[in-house]
């Protein structure tokens, strides 16, 4: 089985609450929220940096 199919299967089991214990699910959700927040911050920075490629951005 290829890795992308394994990853899809595990993700599907997680969404169906059939893979993690309740404690693991809580930790998974918290980690997912943190990663989403970080990705949002990076996306915001990258958008500003694209607009001003020769400048130092978001620095005071």
Protein backbone atom coordinates (compact mmCIF):
# COMPACT_ATOMS: atom_id res chain seq x y z
CA UNK A 1 0.00 0.00 0.00
CA UNK A 2 1.31 3.44 -0.87
CA UNK A 3 1.91 6.01 1.83
CA UNK A 4 -0.64 8.50 0.47
CA UNK A 5 -3.37 5.86 0.77
CA UNK A 6 -2.28 5.04 4.33
CA UNK A 7 -2.35 8.74 5.26
CA UNK A 8 -5.80 9.15 3.71
CA UNK A 9 -7.10 6.09 5.58
CA UNK A 10 -5.75 7.30 8.93
CA UNK A 11 -7.18 10.79 8.34
CA UNK A 12 -10.55 9.24 7.53
CA UNK A 13 -10.47 7.11 10.69
CA UNK A 14 -9.59 10.19 12.77
CA UNK A 15 -12.53 12.14 11.29
CA UNK A 16 -14.84 9.22 12.14
CA UNK A 17 -13.49 9.07 15.74
CA UNK A 18 -12.36 5.49 15.18
CA UNK A 19 -8.59 5.93 15.53
CA UNK A 20 -7.72 7.99 18.61
CA UNK A 21 -8.65 7.73 22.26
CA UNK A 22 -10.57 10.73 23.65
CA UNK A 23 -7.37 12.06 25.24
CA UNK A 24 -5.43 11.65 21.99
CA UNK A 25 -8.26 13.31 20.07
CA UNK A 26 -8.13 16.34 22.37
CA UNK A 27 -4.37 16.63 21.89
CA UNK A 28 -4.77 16.14 18.12
CA UNK A 29 -7.38 18.92 17.92
CA UNK A 30 -5.18 21.29 19.96
CA UNK A 31 -2.17 20.56 17.77
CA UNK A 32 -4.24 21.02 14.62
CA UNK A 33 -5.49 24.40 15.89
CA UNK A 34 -1.93 25.53 16.67
CA UNK A 35 -0.71 24.45 13.24
CA UNK A 36 -3.59 26.28 11.58
CA UNK A 37 -2.75 29.45 13.51
CA UNK A 38 0.92 29.18 12.53
CA UNK A 39 0.05 28.57 8.89
CA UNK A 40 -2.23 31.61 8.92
CA UNK A 41 0.57 33.75 10.35
CA UNK A 42 3.04 32.45 7.77
CA UNK A 43 0.58 33.07 4.94
CA UNK A 44 0.03 36.63 6.15
CA UNK A 45 3.78 37.26 6.35
CA UNK A 46 4.40 35.73 2.92
CA UNK A 47 1.68 37.86 1.33
CA UNK A 48 3.22 41.03 2.74
CA UNK A 49 6.73 39.90 1.78
CA UNK A 50 5.59 39.26 -1.80
CA UNK A 51 4.25 42.81 -1.98
CA UNK A 52 7.54 44.24 -0.64
CA UNK A 53 10.26 41.76 -1.70
CA UNK A 54 13.21 44.11 -1.14
CA UNK A 55 12.13 45.37 2.29
CA UNK A 56 12.30 44.01 5.80
CA UNK A 57 8.65 43.53 6.70
CA UNK A 58 6.76 43.24 9.99
CA UNK A 59 9.65 44.63 12.01
CA UNK A 60 9.40 47.55 14.39
